N, C-alpha and C. Protein backbone atom coordinates (compact mmCIF):
# COMPACT_ATOMS: atom_id res chain seq x y z
N UNK A 1 0.82 -1.19 0.00
CA UNK A 1 0.00 0.00 0.00
C UNK A 1 0.86 1.26 0.00
N UNK A 2 2.02 1.23 0.67
CA UNK A 2 2.90 2.39 0.69
C UNK A 2 3.36 2.76 -0.72
N UNK A 3 3.73 1.75 -1.51
CA UNK A 3 4.18 2.01 -2.87
C UNK A 3 3.07 2.68 -3.67
N UNK A 4 1.87 2.15 -3.60
CA UNK A 4 0.76 2.71 -4.37
C UNK A 4 0.41 4.11 -3.91
N UNK A 5 0.50 4.40 -2.62
CA UNK A 5 0.17 5.74 -2.14
C UNK A 5 1.23 6.75 -2.55
N UNK A 6 2.49 6.33 -2.66
CA UNK A 6 3.57 7.24 -3.03
C UNK A 6 3.74 7.36 -4.54
N UNK A 7 3.55 6.27 -5.27
CA UNK A 7 3.83 6.24 -6.71
C UNK A 7 2.58 6.25 -7.58
N UNK A 8 1.43 5.98 -6.98
CA UNK A 8 0.21 5.87 -7.77
C UNK A 8 0.12 4.49 -8.39
N UNK A 9 -0.94 4.27 -9.17
CA UNK A 9 -1.09 2.96 -9.80
C UNK A 9 -0.03 2.75 -10.87
N UNK A 10 0.47 1.53 -11.03
CA UNK A 10 1.48 1.27 -12.06
C UNK A 10 0.87 1.33 -13.45
N UNK A 11 1.73 1.55 -14.45
CA UNK A 11 1.28 1.53 -15.84
C UNK A 11 0.99 0.11 -16.31
N UNK A 12 1.66 -0.85 -15.69
CA UNK A 12 1.43 -2.26 -16.00
C UNK A 12 1.89 -3.07 -14.79
N UNK A 13 1.41 -4.28 -14.67
CA UNK A 13 1.83 -5.14 -13.56
C UNK A 13 1.61 -6.59 -13.95
N UNK A 14 2.28 -7.46 -13.21
CA UNK A 14 2.06 -8.90 -13.37
C UNK A 14 2.29 -9.56 -12.02
N UNK A 15 1.60 -10.64 -11.79
CA UNK A 15 1.75 -11.42 -10.57
C UNK A 15 2.20 -12.82 -10.94
N UNK A 16 3.27 -13.25 -10.32
CA UNK A 16 3.77 -14.60 -10.54
C UNK A 16 4.03 -15.20 -9.17
N UNK A 17 4.33 -16.45 -9.12
CA UNK A 17 4.71 -17.08 -7.85
C UNK A 17 5.81 -18.07 -8.14
N UNK A 18 6.57 -18.38 -7.12
CA UNK A 18 7.60 -19.37 -7.28
C UNK A 18 7.68 -20.23 -6.02
N UNK A 19 8.14 -21.44 -6.20
CA UNK A 19 8.26 -22.38 -5.09
C UNK A 19 9.59 -22.13 -4.38
N UNK A 20 9.55 -21.98 -3.06
CA UNK A 20 10.76 -21.70 -2.30
C UNK A 20 11.30 -22.91 -1.56
N UNK A 21 10.43 -23.82 -1.16
CA UNK A 21 10.84 -25.02 -0.44
C UNK A 21 9.91 -26.14 -0.83
N UNK A 22 10.40 -27.31 -0.76
CA UNK A 22 9.54 -28.45 -1.02
C UNK A 22 10.04 -29.67 -0.27
N UNK A 23 9.12 -30.52 0.04
CA UNK A 23 9.50 -31.78 0.69
C UNK A 23 8.55 -32.86 0.21
N UNK A 24 9.08 -34.04 0.09
CA UNK A 24 8.27 -35.17 -0.36
C UNK A 24 8.08 -36.14 0.81
N UNK A 25 6.88 -36.66 0.91
CA UNK A 25 6.61 -37.65 1.95
C UNK A 25 6.88 -39.04 1.40
N UNK A 26 6.93 -40.00 2.28
CA UNK A 26 7.12 -41.38 1.86
C UNK A 26 5.99 -41.89 0.99
N UNK A 27 4.80 -41.26 1.11
CA UNK A 27 3.64 -41.68 0.33
C UNK A 27 3.64 -41.06 -1.07
N UNK A 28 4.65 -40.21 -1.36
CA UNK A 28 4.75 -39.64 -2.69
C UNK A 28 4.11 -38.26 -2.84
N UNK A 29 3.51 -37.72 -1.77
CA UNK A 29 2.94 -36.38 -1.90
C UNK A 29 4.04 -35.34 -1.68
N UNK A 30 3.84 -34.17 -2.25
CA UNK A 30 4.84 -33.10 -2.17
C UNK A 30 4.19 -31.89 -1.50
N UNK A 31 4.91 -31.32 -0.54
CA UNK A 31 4.46 -30.11 0.14
C UNK A 31 5.37 -28.96 -0.29
N UNK A 32 4.81 -27.98 -1.03
CA UNK A 32 5.59 -26.86 -1.53
C UNK A 32 5.20 -25.57 -0.82
N UNK A 33 6.16 -24.75 -0.53
CA UNK A 33 5.91 -23.41 0.00
C UNK A 33 6.07 -22.44 -1.17
N UNK A 34 5.08 -21.59 -1.39
CA UNK A 34 5.06 -20.70 -2.53
C UNK A 34 5.01 -19.25 -2.08
N UNK A 35 5.77 -18.39 -2.76
CA UNK A 35 5.73 -16.96 -2.48
C UNK A 35 5.08 -16.25 -3.66
N UNK A 36 4.33 -15.18 -3.35
CA UNK A 36 3.69 -14.36 -4.38
C UNK A 36 4.64 -13.23 -4.75
N UNK A 37 4.88 -13.05 -6.04
CA UNK A 37 5.76 -11.99 -6.53
C UNK A 37 4.96 -11.09 -7.47
N UNK A 38 4.93 -9.79 -7.14
CA UNK A 38 4.29 -8.80 -8.01
C UNK A 38 5.37 -7.96 -8.65
N UNK A 39 5.27 -7.74 -9.96
CA UNK A 39 6.16 -6.83 -10.68
C UNK A 39 5.29 -5.63 -11.10
N UNK A 40 5.70 -4.44 -10.66
CA UNK A 40 4.98 -3.21 -10.99
C UNK A 40 5.84 -2.39 -11.92
N UNK A 41 5.27 -1.95 -13.04
CA UNK A 41 6.02 -1.23 -14.07
C UNK A 41 5.52 0.21 -14.14
N UNK A 42 6.45 1.16 -14.01
CA UNK A 42 6.14 2.59 -14.10
C UNK A 42 6.87 3.18 -15.29
N UNK A 43 6.12 3.64 -16.30
CA UNK A 43 6.67 4.26 -17.50
C UNK A 43 6.93 5.73 -17.16
N UNK A 44 8.22 6.11 -17.10
CA UNK A 44 8.59 7.47 -16.67
C UNK A 44 8.69 8.47 -17.82
N UNK A 45 8.42 8.06 -19.05
CA UNK A 45 8.37 8.99 -20.17
C UNK A 45 9.54 8.83 -21.14
N UNK A 46 9.47 9.65 -22.21
CA UNK A 46 10.49 9.63 -23.27
C UNK A 46 11.89 9.79 -22.69
N UNK A 47 12.82 9.00 -23.21
CA UNK A 47 14.24 9.05 -22.85
C UNK A 47 14.50 8.81 -21.36
N UNK A 48 13.55 8.23 -20.67
CA UNK A 48 13.71 7.89 -19.25
C UNK A 48 13.44 6.40 -19.09
N UNK A 49 14.09 5.80 -18.12
CA UNK A 49 13.92 4.37 -17.91
C UNK A 49 12.56 4.05 -17.30
N UNK A 50 12.03 2.90 -17.69
CA UNK A 50 10.87 2.32 -17.00
C UNK A 50 11.39 1.79 -15.67
N UNK A 51 10.67 2.06 -14.60
CA UNK A 51 11.06 1.57 -13.28
C UNK A 51 10.28 0.29 -13.00
N UNK A 52 10.98 -0.75 -12.59
CA UNK A 52 10.38 -2.05 -12.30
C UNK A 52 10.54 -2.31 -10.81
N UNK A 53 9.42 -2.37 -10.10
CA UNK A 53 9.43 -2.63 -8.66
C UNK A 53 9.02 -4.08 -8.42
N UNK A 54 9.79 -4.79 -7.63
CA UNK A 54 9.49 -6.18 -7.30
C UNK A 54 9.00 -6.24 -5.86
N UNK A 55 7.80 -6.78 -5.68
CA UNK A 55 7.18 -6.90 -4.37
C UNK A 55 6.96 -8.39 -4.10
N UNK A 56 7.55 -8.90 -3.02
CA UNK A 56 7.40 -10.31 -2.65
C UNK A 56 6.62 -10.38 -1.35
N UNK A 57 5.51 -11.09 -1.39
CA UNK A 57 4.62 -11.24 -0.23
C UNK A 57 4.32 -9.90 0.43
N UNK A 58 4.08 -8.87 -0.39
CA UNK A 58 3.68 -7.56 0.12
C UNK A 58 4.82 -6.66 0.53
N UNK A 59 6.09 -7.07 0.37
CA UNK A 59 7.22 -6.24 0.77
C UNK A 59 8.06 -5.87 -0.46
N UNK A 60 8.33 -4.57 -0.62
CA UNK A 60 9.16 -4.10 -1.72
C UNK A 60 10.59 -4.59 -1.49
N UNK A 61 11.13 -5.35 -2.45
CA UNK A 61 12.46 -5.92 -2.28
C UNK A 61 13.47 -5.43 -3.31
N UNK A 62 12.99 -4.87 -4.44
CA UNK A 62 13.94 -4.45 -5.46
C UNK A 62 13.32 -3.40 -6.36
N UNK A 63 14.14 -2.42 -6.77
CA UNK A 63 13.75 -1.43 -7.77
C UNK A 63 14.83 -1.47 -8.85
N UNK A 64 14.41 -1.70 -10.10
CA UNK A 64 15.34 -1.82 -11.21
C UNK A 64 14.92 -0.90 -12.35
N UNK A 65 15.86 -0.65 -13.25
CA UNK A 65 15.54 0.06 -14.48
C UNK A 65 15.21 -0.96 -15.54
N UNK A 66 14.14 -0.67 -16.31
CA UNK A 66 13.81 -1.48 -17.46
C UNK A 66 14.30 -0.77 -18.71
N UNK A 67 13.63 -0.98 -19.82
CA UNK A 67 13.98 -0.27 -21.05
C UNK A 67 13.54 1.18 -20.97
N UNK A 68 13.66 1.88 -22.10
CA UNK A 68 13.23 3.28 -22.13
C UNK A 68 11.73 3.36 -22.29
N UNK A 69 11.15 4.35 -21.60
CA UNK A 69 9.72 4.57 -21.67
C UNK A 69 9.34 5.45 -22.85
N UNK A 70 8.09 5.85 -22.87
CA UNK A 70 7.59 6.73 -23.93
C UNK A 70 6.52 7.63 -23.35
N UNK A 71 6.26 8.73 -24.04
CA UNK A 71 5.21 9.64 -23.62
C UNK A 71 5.75 10.76 -22.73
N UNK A 72 4.83 11.48 -22.07
CA UNK A 72 5.23 12.62 -21.25
C UNK A 72 6.05 12.19 -20.02
N UNK A 73 6.90 13.10 -19.55
CA UNK A 73 7.77 12.83 -18.40
C UNK A 73 6.94 12.66 -17.14
N UNK A 74 7.27 11.62 -16.35
CA UNK A 74 6.63 11.34 -15.07
C UNK A 74 7.70 10.88 -14.10
N UNK A 75 7.32 10.36 -12.97
CA UNK A 75 8.23 9.77 -11.97
C UNK A 75 9.15 10.82 -11.36
N UNK A 76 8.62 11.95 -11.01
CA UNK A 76 9.47 13.00 -10.40
C UNK A 76 9.75 12.71 -8.97
């Protein structure tokens, strides 16, 4: 919620998940622990990088530059 209140809604987003731990029982069943990963994309405008925010289980863990954006300047 902090990210959305400070940055506004993203221009694009995706939600993925990945398995972090797993164990198999003697009966052949598998118990997997899964984390939710949200990627939020902010297009900052012409000649400026797209900002990619990675949120894992509700916590911001990484901010990266993507390719160049397009349109009016944003992300001040």
